[in-house]
Amino acid sequence: MLATEVTFPPACTVYLFHIDAEPQLGNITVSDITHDSLALTWTAAAGSFESFVIEVSDSEQLYDPLELRVGGASRNDTIMGLADGTAYNINVHGVSQGRRTQPLSAFAVTEALPKVENLVISDINPYGFRVTWKTGDDDQSHQLDQFLIVVVDSGRLLDPQDFTVLGEQRSLDIRGLITGIGYEVNLYGITKAGRRTKPLSAVAVTGTFIHPPSPPSLGLSLNLSLQQL
């Protein structure tokens, strides 16, 4: 805002105030959407803003909103760490003289990773068990190149065991475990791009041996025989 002094006779001074128009943002574009990131691009006149503030929040408000600040010369940014298959509202504000402009707004949905479902542990024995699972959408299941099964004892006393199997496989027999120990099992699907799905988890306790009843002792057998006589 500028003030210009204008003097009128007789000695009457008038101040004319010139209010600068607030700089405006142009357009916003969302691109390169993946399961956990997206790219933003926006337009603005050069030198108009000190910085930009980017606000990102999921439409269902299940996660904490993000607020990022970038320099006034920036016209793009990549937002990382998003949840897959989630709708997001995005606002970009320009900051000029410490004040935020009206936002540019956009809406985007991150890619959904294929779902892994119905993790079941069966055939439990003293040294292991069988793990089986299913995939949700047949149209998406072909995107899974591998499955990763991580087995760790509940007390975290032993090193985790990792097992990787092909994407067509839906079961695995786990062997070499310790008898009578609780184990946590986490199953991940891995896409051809190397991205992991959210894990499925289950807990199992390896079985213990059931000893057959001991045969009667020799002394007891002799006593029974004498009584029968």
Protein backbone atom coordinates (compact mmCIF):
# COMPACT_ATOMS: atom_id res chain seq x y z
CA MET A 1 0.00 0.00 0.00
CA LEU A 2 1.42 3.41 -1.03
CA ALA A 3 0.39 6.89 0.16
CA THR A 4 0.70 9.96 -2.07
CA GLU A 5 0.53 13.44 -0.56
CA VAL A 6 -1.45 15.98 -2.58
CA THR A 7 -1.68 19.60 -1.37
CA PHE A 8 -4.55 21.87 -2.27
CA PRO A 9 -4.75 25.56 -1.37
CA PRO A 10 -5.25 26.91 1.15
CA ALA A 11 -2.85 24.50 2.91
CA CYS A 12 -5.19 21.54 2.62
CA THR A 13 -3.41 18.23 2.39
CA VAL A 14 -5.10 15.12 1.00
CA TYR A 15 -3.55 11.65 1.15
CA LEU A 16 -4.41 9.25 -1.64
CA PHE A 17 -3.87 5.60 -0.72
CA HIS A 18 -3.03 3.05 -3.42
CA ILE A 19 -3.86 -0.49 -2.28
CA ASP A 20 -1.93 -3.14 -4.13
CA ALA A 21 -4.09 -5.95 -5.41
CA GLU A 22 -3.48 -9.29 -3.70
CA PRO A 23 -1.46 -11.59 -5.97
CA GLN A 24 -3.43 -14.50 -7.28
CA LEU A 25 -2.57 -18.12 -7.94
CA GLY A 26 -3.25 -19.62 -11.34
CA ASN A 27 -3.97 -23.32 -11.89
CA ILE A 28 -3.20 -26.53 -10.03
CA THR A 29 -2.53 -29.96 -11.53
CA VAL A 30 -2.20 -33.38 -9.87
CA SER A 31 -0.17 -36.04 -11.69
CA ASP A 32 2.03 -39.13 -11.22
CA ILE A 33 -0.33 -40.67 -8.70
CA THR A 34 0.94 -43.88 -7.07
CA HIS A 35 -0.25 -45.91 -4.09
CA ASP A 36 1.59 -43.61 -1.63
CA SER A 37 2.44 -40.38 -3.44
CA LEU A 38 1.33 -37.75 -5.94
CA ALA A 39 2.90 -34.77 -7.73
CA LEU A 40 1.51 -31.23 -7.59
CA THR A 41 2.12 -28.42 -10.07
CA TRP A 42 0.71 -24.90 -9.84
CA THR A 43 1.11 -21.57 -11.62
CA ALA A 44 1.71 -18.08 -10.22
CA ALA A 45 3.35 -14.85 -11.36
CA ALA A 46 7.10 -14.74 -10.73
CA GLY A 47 8.12 -12.93 -7.57
CA SER A 48 4.56 -12.65 -6.26
CA PHE A 49 4.88 -14.89 -3.21
CA GLU A 50 7.29 -15.43 -0.36
CA SER A 51 6.32 -19.09 0.02
CA PHE A 52 3.54 -21.60 -0.62
CA VAL A 53 1.65 -23.73 1.91
CA ILE A 54 0.32 -27.12 0.81
CA GLU A 55 -2.44 -28.76 2.85
CA VAL A 56 -3.29 -32.43 2.27
CA SER A 57 -6.07 -34.26 4.14
CA ASP A 58 -7.93 -37.49 3.45
CA SER A 59 -11.62 -37.08 2.73
CA GLU A 60 -12.73 -39.38 5.56
CA GLN A 61 -10.35 -37.79 8.10
CA LEU A 62 -8.85 -41.12 9.12
CA TYR A 63 -5.28 -39.80 9.12
CA ASP A 64 -3.53 -36.71 10.43
CA PRO A 65 -3.55 -33.87 7.85
CA LEU A 66 -0.28 -32.81 6.26
CA GLU A 67 0.91 -29.20 5.95
CA LEU A 68 4.02 -28.49 3.88
CA ARG A 69 5.75 -25.19 3.12
CA VAL A 70 7.91 -24.59 0.04
CA GLY A 71 9.80 -21.55 -1.25
CA GLY A 72 8.22 -18.78 -3.29
CA ALA A 73 10.14 -19.83 -6.40
CA SER A 74 8.70 -23.37 -6.31
CA ARG A 75 5.95 -24.36 -8.69
CA ASN A 76 5.77 -28.09 -7.93
CA ASP A 77 6.19 -30.59 -5.13
CA THR A 78 5.80 -34.35 -4.54
CA ILE A 79 3.68 -35.48 -1.61
CA MET A 80 4.94 -38.75 -0.09
CA GLY A 81 3.74 -41.12 2.62
CA LEU A 82 0.07 -41.30 1.62
CA ALA A 83 -2.25 -44.26 2.19
CA ASP A 84 -3.13 -46.43 -0.80
CA GLY A 85 -6.66 -46.37 -2.22
CA THR A 86 -7.49 -43.17 -0.33
CA ALA A 87 -9.19 -39.94 -1.48
CA TYR A 88 -7.36 -36.71 -0.63
CA ASN A 89 -8.31 -33.04 -0.65
CA ILE A 90 -5.42 -30.73 -1.54
CA ASN A 91 -5.14 -26.97 -1.01
CA VAL A 92 -2.27 -24.71 -2.08
CA HIS A 93 -2.00 -21.21 -0.60
CA GLY A 94 0.38 -18.47 -1.67
CA VAL A 95 1.92 -16.45 1.16
CA SER A 96 2.46 -12.74 0.51
CA GLN A 97 3.43 -10.23 3.24
CA GLY A 98 2.67 -12.93 5.80
CA ARG A 99 -0.89 -13.46 4.58
CA ARG A 100 -2.27 -16.51 2.82
CA THR A 101 -4.20 -16.16 -0.40
CA GLN A 102 -7.38 -18.00 -1.21
CA PRO A 103 -6.37 -21.60 -1.99
CA LEU A 104 -6.16 -23.51 -5.18
CA SER A 105 -7.95 -26.81 -4.54
CA ALA A 106 -7.68 -30.27 -6.06
CA PHE A 107 -8.92 -33.79 -5.37
CA ALA A 108 -7.07 -37.06 -5.98
CA VAL A 109 -7.31 -40.75 -5.11
CA THR A 110 -4.16 -42.79 -4.60
CA GLU A 111 -3.84 -46.13 -6.35
CA ALA A 112 -5.19 -49.17 -4.52
CA LEU A 113 -2.78 -52.02 -3.99
CA PRO A 114 -4.14 -55.55 -4.49
CA LYS A 115 -5.65 -56.96 -1.32
CA VAL A 116 -4.41 -60.04 0.48
CA GLU A 117 -7.13 -61.68 2.56
CA ASN A 118 -8.05 -64.59 4.83
CA LEU A 119 -4.75 -65.51 6.44
CA VAL A 120 -5.28 -68.93 8.09
CA ILE A 121 -2.88 -71.03 10.17
CA SER A 122 -3.62 -74.75 10.29
CA ASP A 123 -1.97 -78.18 10.67
CA ILE A 124 -0.13 -77.00 13.80
CA ASN A 125 2.45 -79.47 15.07
CA PRO A 126 5.42 -79.31 17.47
CA TYR A 127 7.78 -78.01 14.78
CA GLY A 128 5.64 -75.80 12.57
CA PHE A 129 2.32 -75.15 10.85
CA ARG A 130 0.74 -74.39 7.48
CA VAL A 131 -0.06 -70.83 6.35
CA THR A 132 -2.73 -70.22 3.69
CA TRP A 133 -4.17 -67.02 2.23
CA LYS A 134 -6.30 -65.59 -0.56
CA THR A 135 -6.26 -62.49 -2.76
CA GLY A 136 -9.26 -60.21 -3.17
CA ASP A 137 -9.81 -58.99 -6.73
CA ASP A 138 -8.78 -61.43 -9.46
CA ASP A 139 -8.20 -58.49 -11.82
CA GLN A 140 -5.61 -57.08 -9.40
CA SER A 141 -4.09 -60.29 -8.07
CA HIS A 142 -1.94 -60.68 -11.19
CA GLN A 143 -0.09 -57.53 -10.06
CA LEU A 144 1.36 -59.48 -7.13
CA ASP A 145 4.72 -60.90 -8.13
CA GLN A 146 5.60 -62.46 -4.77
CA PHE A 147 4.45 -63.01 -1.22
CA LEU A 148 6.61 -62.41 1.83
CA ILE A 149 5.87 -64.35 5.03
CA VAL A 150 7.65 -63.15 8.18
CA VAL A 151 7.57 -65.44 11.24
CA VAL A 152 8.83 -64.20 14.61
CA ASP A 153 8.46 -65.59 18.11
CA SER A 154 6.09 -63.57 20.31
CA GLY A 155 8.80 -62.87 22.87
CA ARG A 156 11.18 -61.48 20.22
CA LEU A 157 13.96 -63.69 21.55
CA LEU A 158 14.88 -65.23 18.20
CA ASP A 159 15.73 -63.79 14.79
CA PRO A 160 12.72 -63.41 12.46
CA GLN A 161 12.41 -65.92 9.64
CA ASP A 162 11.52 -64.63 6.16
CA PHE A 163 9.99 -66.78 3.44
CA THR A 164 9.41 -65.52 -0.12
CA VAL A 165 7.16 -67.43 -2.53
CA LEU A 166 5.86 -66.82 -6.05
CA GLY A 167 2.73 -64.80 -6.73
CA GLU A 168 0.74 -67.88 -7.82
CA GLN A 169 1.26 -69.63 -4.48
CA ARG A 170 -1.42 -69.51 -1.79
CA SER A 171 0.05 -71.68 0.97
CA LEU A 172 3.33 -72.47 2.69
CA ASP A 173 4.41 -75.08 5.24
CA ILE A 174 6.62 -73.52 7.92
CA ARG A 175 9.09 -75.95 9.48
CA GLY A 176 11.96 -75.83 11.95
CA LEU A 177 10.15 -73.97 14.73
CA ILE A 178 10.45 -74.57 18.47
CA THR A 179 7.91 -76.68 20.30
CA GLY A 180 5.40 -74.91 22.53
CA ILE A 181 6.32 -71.37 21.41
CA GLY A 182 3.97 -68.56 20.34
CA TYR A 183 4.68 -67.15 16.88
CA GLU A 184 3.44 -64.09 15.02
CA VAL A 185 2.97 -64.42 11.27
CA ASN A 186 2.87 -61.40 8.92
CA LEU A 187 2.02 -61.83 5.25
CA TYR A 188 2.75 -59.19 2.57
CA GLY A 189 1.94 -59.17 -1.12
CA ILE A 190 4.71 -57.66 -3.27
CA THR A 191 3.87 -56.05 -6.61
CA LYS A 192 6.03 -56.19 -9.72
CA ALA A 193 7.20 -52.67 -8.85
CA GLY A 194 8.43 -53.92 -5.47
CA ARG A 195 5.71 -52.29 -3.37
CA ARG A 196 4.36 -54.12 -0.34
CA THR A 197 0.69 -54.41 0.52
CA LYS A 198 -0.54 -53.83 4.04
CA PRO A 199 0.29 -56.92 6.11
CA LEU A 200 -2.10 -59.57 7.29
CA SER A 201 -1.24 -60.90 10.75
CA ALA A 202 -2.02 -64.03 12.75
CA VAL A 203 -0.73 -65.76 15.88
CA ALA A 204 -0.15 -69.46 16.53
CA VAL A 205 1.44 -71.64 19.21
CA THR A 206 3.35 -74.71 18.09
CA GLY A 207 2.05 -77.99 19.53
CA THR A 208 3.60 -80.07 22.26
CA PHE A 209 4.22 -83.80 22.25
CA ILE A 210 1.55 -85.98 23.87
CA HIS A 211 3.28 -88.92 25.54
CA PRO A 212 1.42 -92.26 25.56
CA PRO A 213 0.67 -93.79 28.97
CA SER A 214 3.60 -95.75 30.40
CA PRO A 215 3.23 -99.56 30.54
CA PRO A 216 2.81 -101.06 34.01
CA SER A 217 6.02 -101.84 35.83
CA LEU A 218 7.30 -105.39 36.16
CA GLY A 219 6.61 -105.45 39.92
CA LEU A 220 3.00 -104.43 39.39
CA SER A 221 2.56 -107.14 36.76
CA LEU A 222 3.89 -109.81 39.15
CA ASN A 223 1.56 -108.68 41.96
CA LEU A 224 -1.45 -108.81 39.62
CA SER A 225 -0.46 -112.32 38.47
CA LEU A 226 -0.12 -113.60 42.08
CA GLN A 227 -3.48 -112.13 43.01
CA GLN A 228 -5.11 -113.89 40.10
CA LEU A 229 -3.60 -117.21 41.26
